Amino acid sequence: MSDHAKPLGYRLITGPDDPEFCARVSALLDKGYQLYGSPALTFDGERVIAAQALVLSRPVDSEASAG
């Protein structure tokens, strides 16, 4: 997961449906993001790939975030 200096209002997390994926989503929830819609799942022939959209639940003050 990449770190951004300014929190994004929307994130789409994708990856194999494994504990690391769940930890990435959980970390964003801990930072104030909320799940947006249902997860999407697909199969790439070897493993299940998940996608989950998240939105920031609080307004971000762009000046405060930049400094």
Protein backbone atom coordinates (compact mmCIF):
# COMPACT_ATOMS: atom_id res chain seq x y z
CA MET A 1 0.00 0.00 0.00
CA SER A 2 1.46 3.34 -0.98
CA ASP A 3 1.46 6.23 1.46
CA HIS A 4 0.18 9.57 0.23
CA ALA A 5 1.09 12.92 1.77
CA LYS A 6 -2.52 13.98 1.25
CA PRO A 7 -5.24 11.44 2.09
CA LEU A 8 -7.32 10.57 -0.93
CA GLY A 9 -11.09 10.89 -0.69
CA TYR A 10 -11.53 7.63 -2.61
CA ARG A 11 -9.43 4.48 -2.70
CA LEU A 12 -9.90 1.23 -4.61
CA ILE A 13 -7.89 -1.57 -3.02
CA THR A 14 -7.26 -4.68 -5.11
CA GLY A 15 -5.30 -7.86 -4.63
CA PRO A 16 -5.47 -11.54 -3.79
CA ASP A 17 -8.19 -12.31 -1.23
CA ASP A 18 -5.81 -13.13 1.60
CA PRO A 19 -4.92 -11.84 5.09
CA GLU A 20 -2.68 -9.11 3.63
CA PHE A 21 -5.58 -7.72 1.58
CA CYS A 22 -7.79 -7.72 4.69
CA ALA A 23 -5.02 -5.96 6.67
CA ARG A 24 -4.74 -3.24 3.99
CA VAL A 25 -8.48 -2.60 4.09
CA SER A 26 -8.49 -2.70 7.91
CA ALA A 27 -5.65 -0.15 8.06
CA LEU A 28 -7.65 2.26 5.92
CA LEU A 29 -10.73 1.74 8.10
CA ASP A 30 -8.56 2.62 11.13
CA LYS A 31 -7.57 5.87 9.35
CA GLY A 32 -11.21 6.95 8.98
CA TYR A 33 -12.17 5.44 5.63
CA GLN A 34 -15.54 3.72 5.22
CA LEU A 35 -16.40 0.85 2.93
CA TYR A 36 -18.15 2.04 -0.22
CA GLY A 37 -20.34 -0.58 -1.80
CA SER A 38 -19.82 -4.30 -1.87
CA PRO A 39 -16.52 -6.00 -2.63
CA ALA A 40 -15.96 -7.42 -6.10
CA LEU A 41 -14.38 -10.83 -6.58
CA THR A 42 -12.96 -12.56 -9.61
CA PHE A 43 -10.85 -15.65 -10.24
CA ASP A 44 -7.66 -15.37 -12.28
CA GLY A 45 -7.27 -19.13 -12.83
CA GLU A 46 -5.16 -19.58 -9.71
CA ARG A 47 -6.59 -17.43 -6.93
CA VAL A 48 -9.48 -15.18 -5.97
CA ILE A 49 -8.80 -11.47 -6.56
CA ALA A 50 -10.74 -8.95 -4.49
CA ALA A 51 -11.50 -5.26 -4.94
CA GLN A 52 -13.00 -2.95 -2.33
CA ALA A 53 -13.77 0.74 -2.67
CA LEU A 54 -13.35 2.98 0.37
CA VAL A 55 -14.16 6.65 0.91
CA LEU A 56 -12.84 9.04 3.52
CA SER A 57 -15.60 9.70 6.03
CA ARG A 58 -14.37 13.12 7.14
CA PRO A 59 -13.51 16.20 5.11
CA VAL A 60 -9.82 16.69 4.45
CA ASP A 61 -8.39 20.17 4.98
CA SER A 62 -6.00 20.41 2.02
CA GLU A 63 -3.78 23.04 3.66
CA ALA A 64 -3.46 21.13 6.92
CA SER A 65 -2.70 17.89 5.08
CA ALA A 66 0.02 19.47 2.95
CA GLY A 67 1.98 20.91 5.86
